[in-house]
Amino acid sequence: ETVYLFGGWDGTQDLADFWAYSVKENQWTCISRDTEKESGPSARSCHKMCIDIQRRQIYTLGRYLDSSVRNSKSLKSDFYRYDIDTNTWMLLSEDTAADGGPKLVFDHQMCMDSEKHMIYTFGGRILTCNGSVDDSRASEPQFSGLFAFDCQCQTWKLLREDSCNAGPEDIQSRIGHCMLFHSKNRCLYVFGGQRSKTYLNDFFSYDVDSDHVDIISDGTKKDSGMVPMTGFTQRATIDPELNEIHVLSGLSKDKEKREENVRNSFWIYDIVRNSWSCVYKNDQAAKENPGKSLQEEEPCPRFAHQLVYDELHKVHYLFGGNPGKSCSPKMRLDDFWSLKLCRPSKEYLLRHCKYLIRKHRFEEKAQTDPLSALKYLQNDLYVTVDHSDPEETKEVMM
C-alpha cells in the first residue's frame, strides 16, 4: 500500500529525490534527498521504473540527456535496483548496451513479470552524440526494440528489433506509448505513441511465453470515435482480474495540437470483448461556471505525469506533470490525486431499469387516464424510486 516516486524534471533541473507515499497513513516520506549519494541513480528525468511486488524490489532504466552534455561516457545506459526492505541501491549494469541490452533511451516503457522474474522494455528514443557520426542515419531518430531482462541470471535478450516492415511478427518501435503486462494471460499490451512526427494508433499484444505478436487493431479502422484519440498523452493501467485496461487521455505534447477545449477522458478496454468504452469526459464546467474551479473537481489536463493503479483496492493515483501553459513553460505540477471507479451494482441497474420503464408507463397513462395513472404512481412506480436520490424523488413528485 505504498506509492513510490523517484526523480523527474522540475522545470529547471533533473531531480534525484526518492519518496514513498503510504496509502494507509495518507503521508509522504522522503526516503532520500539524493539517491546518487547513496550508491543509487543520479538525478534524471524521462526514466522508467517498475516494481517486483513479490521480492519488494524496484528497477529503474533510461533517462534524457541534453545534447550539450552528451558524450561517450554520459551516454552509457546505467541500470539500478532498489531493495525496499534493506533500503539499498545496487548498480546492476554501468552500460546495458554493453551487456546485450538497450542503448541509453528515454520515453520508453518497462514492465515487470514477477512470476518469472523478468523485465520487458520496449521502444524509446535512443540518445546519440550529435554530429559525431557523419552517415545519413545520424540525423534520423533511432528507436529501441523489445528487450527482456532475466533478473535471476542478470542477462538481456533482444526479442524484436525496431521494424518498419508490416510482417505479422514485426513491431514498430515508438516513444510515448503505453505498455502493460497481463500477469494472468502472460501478454504484453502495447498501443499508441509517436514515431518522429507520426502518431500511431495501432494496438497489439505480445505473448511472452510463445514469442508471438497478435495485432488487435492496425489503427486504420473507421471506428476512430470509439477508441482513445491519438496525439494526446495517454497513461494506462491494467487489471488482470477484471480483464481491463484503463486509459487516461490528457494533453498533447505538441503546441500546435493543443486546443482551447482540451479535455481529460477516461477509457476502459474490455480484453475479452475486444471493445473500448469512454466512461468519462470532463465537461467544460470551468468555462460555463467560472465561480467553481475545475481544479477542485479533477486534475487539469497535462502531459509528463504519472499514473499508477492499486489492483487490490481498485484505486488509481496520479501525480504531477506539465500543464502545457505557453505563458509559463517551466511550470510543473506537484498535485496528487486518487481516482476510484464506482460501478453500479446489478441490484441498482435492475431497480433503475424498472423505475425507468414504470415512469414511462405512468407518463403514458397520465395522458389518457389520470386517475389510473395516480394509482399506478402510488403503488407500482413509487416502490422503484430511490428515495436517497434527490433527482428521482423530484421527478416522481412532479
Protein backbone atom coordinates (compact mmCIF):
# COMPACT_ATOMS: atom_id res chain seq x y z
CA GLU A 1 0.00 0.00 0.00
CA THR A 2 2.79 2.37 -0.97
CA VAL A 3 3.33 4.62 -3.98
CA TYR A 4 7.00 5.31 -4.88
CA LEU A 5 8.21 8.43 -6.68
CA PHE A 6 11.74 8.99 -7.95
CA GLY A 7 13.34 11.90 -9.78
CA GLY A 8 11.89 13.84 -12.68
CA TRP A 9 12.27 17.35 -14.06
CA ASP A 10 11.01 20.34 -12.03
CA GLY A 11 11.12 22.83 -14.91
CA THR A 12 14.74 23.86 -14.37
CA GLN A 13 16.67 20.76 -13.33
CA ASP A 14 16.66 16.97 -13.03
CA LEU A 15 15.87 15.62 -9.57
CA ALA A 16 17.32 12.70 -7.60
CA ASP A 17 14.94 12.64 -4.64
CA PHE A 18 13.08 9.45 -3.73
CA TRP A 19 9.73 9.37 -1.94
CA ALA A 20 7.20 6.88 -0.58
CA TYR A 21 3.52 7.62 -0.03
CA SER A 22 1.63 5.48 2.47
CA VAL A 23 -1.97 5.00 1.40
CA LYS A 24 -2.99 3.89 4.90
CA GLU A 25 -1.47 6.90 6.65
CA ASN A 26 -2.05 9.35 3.77
CA GLN A 27 1.50 10.59 4.22
CA TRP A 28 4.64 11.15 2.12
CA THR A 29 8.06 10.13 3.46
CA CYS A 30 11.33 11.22 1.87
CA ILE A 31 13.48 8.09 1.56
CA SER A 32 16.39 10.04 0.09
CA ARG A 33 17.09 13.64 -0.90
CA ASP A 34 19.80 12.49 -3.33
CA THR A 35 19.96 8.83 -4.33
CA GLU A 36 23.35 9.32 -6.04
CA LYS A 37 24.91 9.92 -2.62
CA GLU A 38 23.56 6.53 -1.53
CA SER A 39 25.06 4.49 -4.41
CA GLY A 40 21.87 4.95 -6.40
CA PRO A 41 20.99 6.61 -9.71
CA SER A 42 21.96 10.21 -10.47
CA ALA A 43 19.35 12.94 -10.99
CA ARG A 44 17.26 12.16 -14.08
CA SER A 45 14.01 12.52 -15.98
CA CYS A 46 12.22 10.53 -18.71
CA HIS A 47 13.39 7.34 -16.99
CA LYS A 48 11.14 4.37 -16.24
CA MET A 49 10.58 2.33 -13.11
CA CYS A 50 8.90 -0.99 -12.41
CA ILE A 51 8.28 -2.84 -9.17
CA ASP A 52 8.65 -6.52 -8.33
CA ILE A 53 5.89 -6.90 -5.74
CA GLN A 54 6.92 -10.46 -4.76
CA ARG A 55 10.56 -9.62 -3.98
CA ARG A 56 9.85 -6.00 -2.98
CA GLN A 57 12.37 -4.50 -5.39
CA ILE A 58 12.25 -1.51 -7.76
CA TYR A 59 14.16 -1.26 -11.05
CA THR A 60 14.95 1.93 -12.97
CA LEU A 61 16.31 2.34 -16.50
CA GLY A 62 16.89 5.15 -19.01
CA ARG A 63 16.99 8.93 -18.84
CA TYR A 64 17.02 12.03 -21.03
CA LEU A 65 20.26 13.95 -21.55
CA ASP A 66 20.51 17.39 -23.09
CA SER A 67 22.59 17.38 -26.29
CA SER A 68 25.10 19.74 -24.65
CA VAL A 69 26.16 17.09 -22.10
CA ARG A 70 26.17 14.03 -24.32
CA ASN A 71 29.48 12.23 -24.74
CA SER A 72 30.64 8.62 -24.91
CA LYS A 73 30.78 8.40 -21.10
CA SER A 74 27.47 10.10 -20.29
CA LEU A 75 25.63 8.10 -22.97
CA LYS A 76 26.15 4.84 -21.09
CA SER A 77 22.84 3.32 -20.01
CA ASP A 78 23.02 2.52 -16.30
CA PHE A 79 20.55 0.15 -14.65
CA TYR A 80 19.71 0.13 -10.93
CA ARG A 81 17.75 -1.97 -8.47
CA TYR A 82 16.41 -0.73 -5.15
CA ASP A 83 15.62 -3.14 -2.32
CA ILE A 84 12.69 -1.85 -0.28
CA ASP A 85 13.36 -3.89 2.88
CA THR A 86 17.07 -3.11 3.16
CA ASN A 87 16.72 0.45 1.75
CA THR A 88 19.74 -0.09 -0.52
CA TRP A 89 20.51 0.59 -4.18
CA MET A 90 22.52 -1.75 -6.38
CA LEU A 91 24.08 -0.92 -9.76
CA LEU A 92 23.19 -3.89 -11.99
CA SER A 93 24.93 -2.51 -15.07
CA GLU A 94 27.03 0.51 -15.96
CA ASP A 95 26.01 0.14 -19.58
CA THR A 96 23.14 -2.14 -20.58
CA ALA A 97 24.10 -1.88 -24.29
CA ALA A 98 27.48 -3.47 -23.50
CA ASP A 99 25.60 -6.29 -21.75
CA GLY A 100 23.37 -7.04 -24.75
CA GLY A 101 20.54 -4.78 -23.60
CA PRO A 102 19.13 -1.46 -24.83
CA LYS A 103 21.24 1.62 -25.52
CA LEU A 104 20.51 4.75 -23.49
CA VAL A 105 16.83 5.55 -24.10
CA PHE A 106 14.11 7.90 -22.90
CA ASP A 107 10.30 7.84 -23.23
CA HIS A 108 10.38 4.03 -23.32
CA GLN A 109 8.19 1.57 -21.41
CA MET A 110 9.12 -1.09 -18.88
CA CYS A 111 7.03 -3.91 -17.34
CA MET A 112 7.70 -6.48 -14.64
CA ASP A 113 6.75 -10.15 -14.75
CA SER A 114 7.12 -11.05 -11.06
CA GLU A 115 6.19 -14.70 -11.55
CA LYS A 116 9.01 -15.47 -13.98
CA HIS A 117 11.29 -12.73 -12.58
CA MET A 118 11.60 -11.00 -15.97
CA ILE A 119 11.56 -7.36 -17.09
CA TYR A 120 10.39 -6.28 -20.55
CA THR A 121 11.36 -2.94 -22.06
CA PHE A 122 10.14 -1.63 -25.40
CA GLY A 123 10.63 1.47 -27.51
CA GLY A 124 12.06 4.79 -26.50
CA ARG A 125 14.29 7.15 -28.40
CA ILE A 126 17.98 6.22 -28.46
CA LEU A 127 20.23 9.09 -27.43
CA THR A 128 23.20 9.71 -29.71
CA CYS A 129 26.14 12.11 -29.78
CA ASN A 130 25.04 14.87 -32.14
CA GLY A 131 27.21 15.29 -35.18
CA SER A 132 29.69 12.63 -34.14
CA VAL A 133 28.68 10.26 -36.92
CA ASP A 134 28.57 11.51 -40.48
CA ASP A 135 26.29 8.92 -42.02
CA SER A 136 22.77 9.85 -43.12
CA ARG A 137 21.11 7.87 -40.33
CA ALA A 138 22.62 10.07 -37.63
CA SER A 139 20.07 12.82 -38.21
CA GLU A 140 17.14 10.40 -38.19
CA PRO A 141 15.84 9.43 -34.77
CA GLN A 142 16.60 5.86 -33.74
CA PHE A 143 14.21 3.80 -31.63
CA SER A 144 14.88 0.90 -29.31
CA GLY A 145 13.38 -2.56 -29.83
CA LEU A 146 11.79 -5.05 -27.43
CA PHE A 147 14.16 -6.49 -24.83
CA ALA A 148 13.80 -8.99 -21.98
CA PHE A 149 15.94 -8.93 -18.84
CA ASP A 150 16.24 -12.08 -16.74
CA CYS A 151 16.55 -10.76 -13.18
CA GLN A 152 17.82 -14.12 -11.88
CA CYS A 153 20.65 -14.59 -14.41
CA GLN A 154 21.03 -10.83 -14.98
CA THR A 155 21.11 -11.28 -18.75
CA TRP A 156 19.47 -9.31 -21.57
CA LYS A 157 17.86 -10.72 -24.71
CA LEU A 158 16.69 -8.81 -27.80
CA LEU A 159 13.23 -10.16 -28.72
CA ARG A 160 12.30 -7.78 -31.57
CA GLU A 161 14.31 -5.17 -33.41
CA ASP A 162 12.65 -1.93 -34.47
CA SER A 163 10.99 -2.69 -37.79
CA CYS A 164 9.18 -0.64 -40.41
CA ASN A 165 8.08 -3.82 -42.17
CA ALA A 166 4.45 -4.88 -41.97
CA GLY A 167 5.04 -8.58 -41.32
CA PRO A 168 2.80 -10.39 -38.82
CA GLU A 169 5.58 -10.62 -36.23
CA ASP A 170 7.12 -7.17 -36.86
CA ILE A 171 6.62 -4.37 -34.40
CA GLN A 172 7.30 -0.69 -34.87
CA SER A 173 9.22 1.00 -32.08
CA ARG A 174 8.00 4.33 -30.75
CA ILE A 175 8.02 6.83 -27.88
CA GLY A 176 5.25 7.97 -25.55
CA HIS A 177 3.32 4.72 -25.95
CA CYS A 178 1.59 2.56 -23.35
CA MET A 179 2.77 -0.95 -22.48
CA LEU A 180 1.19 -3.17 -19.85
CA PHE A 181 1.76 -6.74 -18.68
CA HIS A 182 -1.20 -9.04 -18.03
CA SER A 183 0.05 -11.41 -15.33
CA LYS A 184 -2.71 -13.98 -15.94
CA ASN A 185 -2.70 -14.41 -19.73
CA ARG A 186 1.02 -13.52 -19.79
CA CYS A 187 0.83 -10.98 -22.60
CA LEU A 188 2.23 -7.50 -23.06
CA TYR A 189 -0.27 -4.98 -24.47
CA VAL A 190 1.13 -2.06 -26.47
CA PHE A 191 -0.74 0.84 -28.04
CA GLY A 192 -0.40 4.45 -29.14
CA GLY A 193 2.75 6.51 -29.14
CA GLN A 194 4.66 8.53 -31.66
CA ARG A 195 7.35 7.90 -34.23
CA SER A 196 9.03 11.07 -35.49
CA LYS A 197 6.03 13.22 -36.44
CA THR A 198 3.64 10.32 -36.91
CA TYR A 199 1.12 9.44 -34.21
CA LEU A 200 0.49 5.71 -34.06
CA ASN A 201 -2.95 4.26 -33.41
CA ASP A 202 -2.22 0.54 -33.56
CA PHE A 203 -2.81 -1.89 -30.71
CA PHE A 204 -1.08 -5.26 -30.35
CA SER A 205 -0.31 -7.91 -27.77
CA TYR A 206 2.86 -9.94 -27.37
CA ASP A 207 2.75 -13.38 -25.75
CA VAL A 208 5.95 -13.53 -23.70
CA ASP A 209 5.95 -17.35 -23.47
CA SER A 210 5.28 -18.18 -27.13
CA ASP A 211 7.13 -15.12 -28.54
CA HIS A 212 4.09 -14.30 -30.69
CA VAL A 213 2.66 -10.93 -31.77
CA ASP A 214 -1.10 -10.55 -32.18
CA ILE A 215 -2.40 -7.41 -33.93
CA ILE A 216 -5.57 -6.37 -32.10
CA SER A 217 -6.08 -3.27 -34.27
CA ASP A 218 -3.85 -1.90 -37.03
CA GLY A 219 -5.15 1.60 -36.33
CA THR A 220 -6.72 2.11 -39.75
CA LYS A 221 -10.32 1.19 -38.87
CA LYS A 222 -13.01 3.80 -39.25
CA ASP A 223 -14.23 3.35 -35.66
CA SER A 224 -11.88 6.12 -34.54
CA GLY A 225 -14.61 7.77 -32.47
CA MET A 226 -14.76 4.80 -30.13
CA VAL A 227 -11.05 4.49 -29.35
CA PRO A 228 -8.86 6.94 -27.42
CA MET A 229 -7.64 9.66 -29.80
CA THR A 230 -4.04 9.71 -30.93
CA GLY A 231 -1.82 12.69 -30.33
CA PHE A 232 -2.80 13.08 -26.70
CA THR A 233 -0.69 11.93 -23.80
CA GLN A 234 -2.08 8.63 -22.60
CA ARG A 235 -1.39 6.92 -19.31
CA ALA A 236 -2.62 3.36 -18.89
CA THR A 237 -3.02 0.70 -16.21
CA ILE A 238 -4.20 -2.91 -16.30
CA ASP A 239 -6.42 -5.00 -14.04
CA PRO A 240 -5.75 -8.69 -14.83
CA GLU A 241 -8.56 -9.80 -12.51
CA LEU A 242 -11.20 -7.71 -14.30
CA ASN A 243 -9.52 -8.23 -17.70
CA GLU A 244 -9.50 -4.49 -18.27
CA ILE A 245 -7.10 -1.82 -19.47
CA HIS A 246 -7.71 1.73 -18.22
CA VAL A 247 -6.52 4.77 -20.18
CA LEU A 248 -6.43 8.38 -19.06
CA SER A 249 -6.08 10.68 -22.06
CA GLY A 250 -4.79 14.18 -21.35
CA LEU A 251 -2.88 16.95 -23.09
CA SER A 252 -0.86 16.80 -26.30
CA LYS A 253 2.87 17.48 -26.14
CA ASP A 254 2.56 19.33 -29.46
CA LYS A 255 1.88 23.04 -29.02
CA GLU A 256 0.05 23.06 -32.37
CA LYS A 257 -2.30 20.29 -31.29
CA ARG A 258 -3.28 21.93 -28.02
CA GLU A 259 -6.82 23.18 -28.33
CA GLU A 260 -8.62 25.55 -26.04
CA ASN A 261 -11.27 22.95 -25.27
CA VAL A 262 -8.80 20.25 -24.25
CA ARG A 263 -10.33 17.59 -22.05
CA ASN A 264 -9.46 14.71 -19.82
CA SER A 265 -11.09 11.48 -20.91
CA PHE A 266 -11.02 8.06 -19.27
CA TRP A 267 -11.40 4.88 -21.29
CA ILE A 268 -11.82 1.22 -20.43
CA TYR A 269 -10.80 -1.57 -22.82
CA ASP A 270 -12.51 -4.91 -22.22
CA ILE A 271 -9.89 -7.52 -23.20
CA VAL A 272 -12.36 -10.42 -23.57
CA ARG A 273 -14.91 -8.46 -25.62
CA ASN A 274 -12.23 -6.52 -27.52
CA SER A 275 -14.14 -3.28 -27.03
CA TRP A 276 -13.37 0.26 -25.85
CA SER A 277 -15.78 2.44 -23.90
CA CYS A 278 -15.32 6.04 -22.82
CA VAL A 279 -16.58 6.20 -19.24
CA TYR A 280 -15.74 9.83 -18.60
CA LYS A 281 -15.07 13.13 -20.37
CA ASN A 282 -14.72 16.27 -18.30
CA ASP A 283 -17.37 18.84 -19.08
CA GLN A 284 -16.44 22.44 -19.66
CA ALA A 285 -17.85 23.36 -16.27
CA ALA A 286 -14.97 25.69 -15.52
CA LYS A 287 -15.80 27.85 -18.54
CA GLU A 288 -19.55 27.77 -18.07
CA ASN A 289 -19.37 28.37 -14.33
CA PRO A 290 -16.27 30.43 -13.54
CA GLY A 291 -17.25 30.53 -9.86
CA LYS A 292 -16.50 26.84 -9.49
CA SER A 293 -12.94 25.86 -10.22
CA LEU A 294 -12.41 22.68 -12.22
CA GLN A 295 -9.23 22.26 -10.19
CA GLU A 296 -11.30 21.34 -7.14
CA GLU A 297 -13.08 18.58 -9.02
CA GLU A 298 -10.39 16.84 -11.01
CA PRO A 299 -6.79 17.20 -12.24
CA CYS A 300 -6.31 19.63 -15.13
CA PRO A 301 -5.27 18.10 -18.49
CA ARG A 302 -1.49 17.60 -18.63
CA PHE A 303 1.40 15.57 -20.01
CA ALA A 304 4.60 14.16 -18.44
CA HIS A 305 2.59 12.98 -15.41
CA GLN A 306 2.48 9.52 -13.86
CA LEU A 307 -0.46 7.22 -13.20
CA VAL A 308 -0.34 4.02 -11.12
CA TYR A 309 -3.00 1.53 -10.05
CA ASP A 310 -3.66 -0.31 -6.81
CA GLU A 311 -5.15 -3.60 -8.09
CA LEU A 312 -6.29 -4.72 -4.66
CA HIS A 313 -8.37 -1.66 -3.75
CA LYS A 314 -9.08 -0.68 -7.38
CA VAL A 315 -7.76 2.87 -6.98
CA HIS A 316 -5.67 4.96 -9.40
CA TYR A 317 -3.10 7.52 -8.21
CA LEU A 318 -1.92 10.42 -10.38
CA PHE A 319 1.00 12.75 -9.69
CA GLY A 320 2.42 15.90 -11.25
CA GLY A 321 3.11 16.67 -14.87
CA ASN A 322 3.25 19.61 -17.26
CA PRO A 323 0.02 21.61 -17.78
CA GLY A 324 1.39 22.96 -21.10
CA LYS A 325 0.89 26.63 -20.30
CA SER A 326 2.62 28.65 -23.04
CA CYS A 327 2.75 31.68 -20.72
CA SER A 328 4.78 29.72 -18.13
CA PRO A 329 6.65 26.93 -19.96
CA LYS A 330 8.72 25.98 -16.91
CA MET A 331 5.66 25.32 -14.77
CA ARG A 332 5.43 21.79 -13.36
CA LEU A 333 2.70 20.38 -11.14
CA ASP A 334 3.06 18.61 -7.81
CA ASP A 335 -0.61 17.84 -7.17
CA PHE A 336 -1.59 14.30 -6.18
CA TRP A 337 -4.96 12.70 -6.93
CA SER A 338 -6.74 9.40 -6.42
CA LEU A 339 -9.46 8.04 -8.70
CA LYS A 340 -11.91 5.29 -7.85
CA LEU A 341 -14.28 3.96 -10.49
CA CYS A 342 -17.66 3.39 -8.87
CA ARG A 343 -19.67 0.92 -10.90
CA PRO A 344 -23.42 0.48 -10.45
CA SER A 345 -24.34 -2.87 -8.88
CA LYS A 346 -26.62 -5.39 -10.61
CA GLU A 347 -29.27 -4.62 -7.99
CA TYR A 348 -29.06 -0.90 -8.76
CA LEU A 349 -29.29 -1.47 -12.52
CA LEU A 350 -32.29 -3.78 -12.16
CA ARG A 351 -34.14 -1.33 -9.89
CA HIS A 352 -33.26 1.66 -12.07
CA CYS A 353 -34.46 -0.09 -15.25
CA LYS A 354 -37.75 -0.97 -13.53
CA TYR A 355 -38.03 2.65 -12.42
CA LEU A 356 -37.46 3.99 -15.97
CA ILE A 357 -39.96 1.56 -17.53
CA ARG A 358 -42.64 2.27 -14.92
CA LYS A 359 -42.02 6.01 -15.14
CA HIS A 360 -42.61 5.82 -18.91
CA ARG A 361 -45.75 3.69 -18.34
CA PHE A 362 -47.01 6.25 -15.81
CA GLU A 363 -46.48 9.11 -18.31
CA GLU A 364 -48.43 7.18 -20.96
CA LYS A 365 -51.31 6.51 -18.54
CA ALA A 366 -51.38 10.15 -17.40
CA GLN A 367 -52.20 11.21 -20.98
CA THR A 368 -55.38 9.10 -21.19
CA ASP A 369 -56.47 8.05 -17.68
CA PRO A 370 -55.21 10.40 -14.92
CA LEU A 371 -56.95 8.50 -12.09
CA SER A 372 -55.49 5.15 -13.11
CA ALA A 373 -52.10 6.89 -13.52
CA LEU A 374 -52.27 8.23 -9.96
CA LYS A 375 -52.94 4.74 -8.57
CA TYR A 376 -50.08 3.37 -10.69
CA LEU A 377 -47.78 6.08 -9.34
CA GLN A 378 -48.70 5.35 -5.71
CA ASN A 379 -48.41 1.57 -5.99
CA ASP A 380 -46.16 0.46 -8.87
CA LEU A 381 -43.83 3.37 -9.61
CA TYR A 382 -43.30 4.54 -6.02
CA VAL A 383 -41.69 1.23 -4.91
CA THR A 384 -38.98 1.51 -7.58
CA VAL A 385 -37.87 5.03 -6.58
CA ASP A 386 -34.54 5.50 -4.81
CA HIS A 387 -35.60 8.00 -2.15
CA SER A 388 -31.97 8.81 -1.34
CA ASP A 389 -31.60 10.16 -4.89
CA PRO A 390 -32.99 13.72 -4.97
CA GLU A 391 -33.26 13.65 -8.79
CA GLU A 392 -35.52 10.58 -8.85
CA THR A 393 -37.60 11.76 -5.89
CA LYS A 394 -38.08 15.15 -7.53
CA GLU A 395 -39.15 13.58 -10.84
CA VAL A 396 -41.83 11.49 -9.15
CA MET A 397 -43.09 14.39 -7.04
CA MET A 398 -43.54 16.46 -10.20
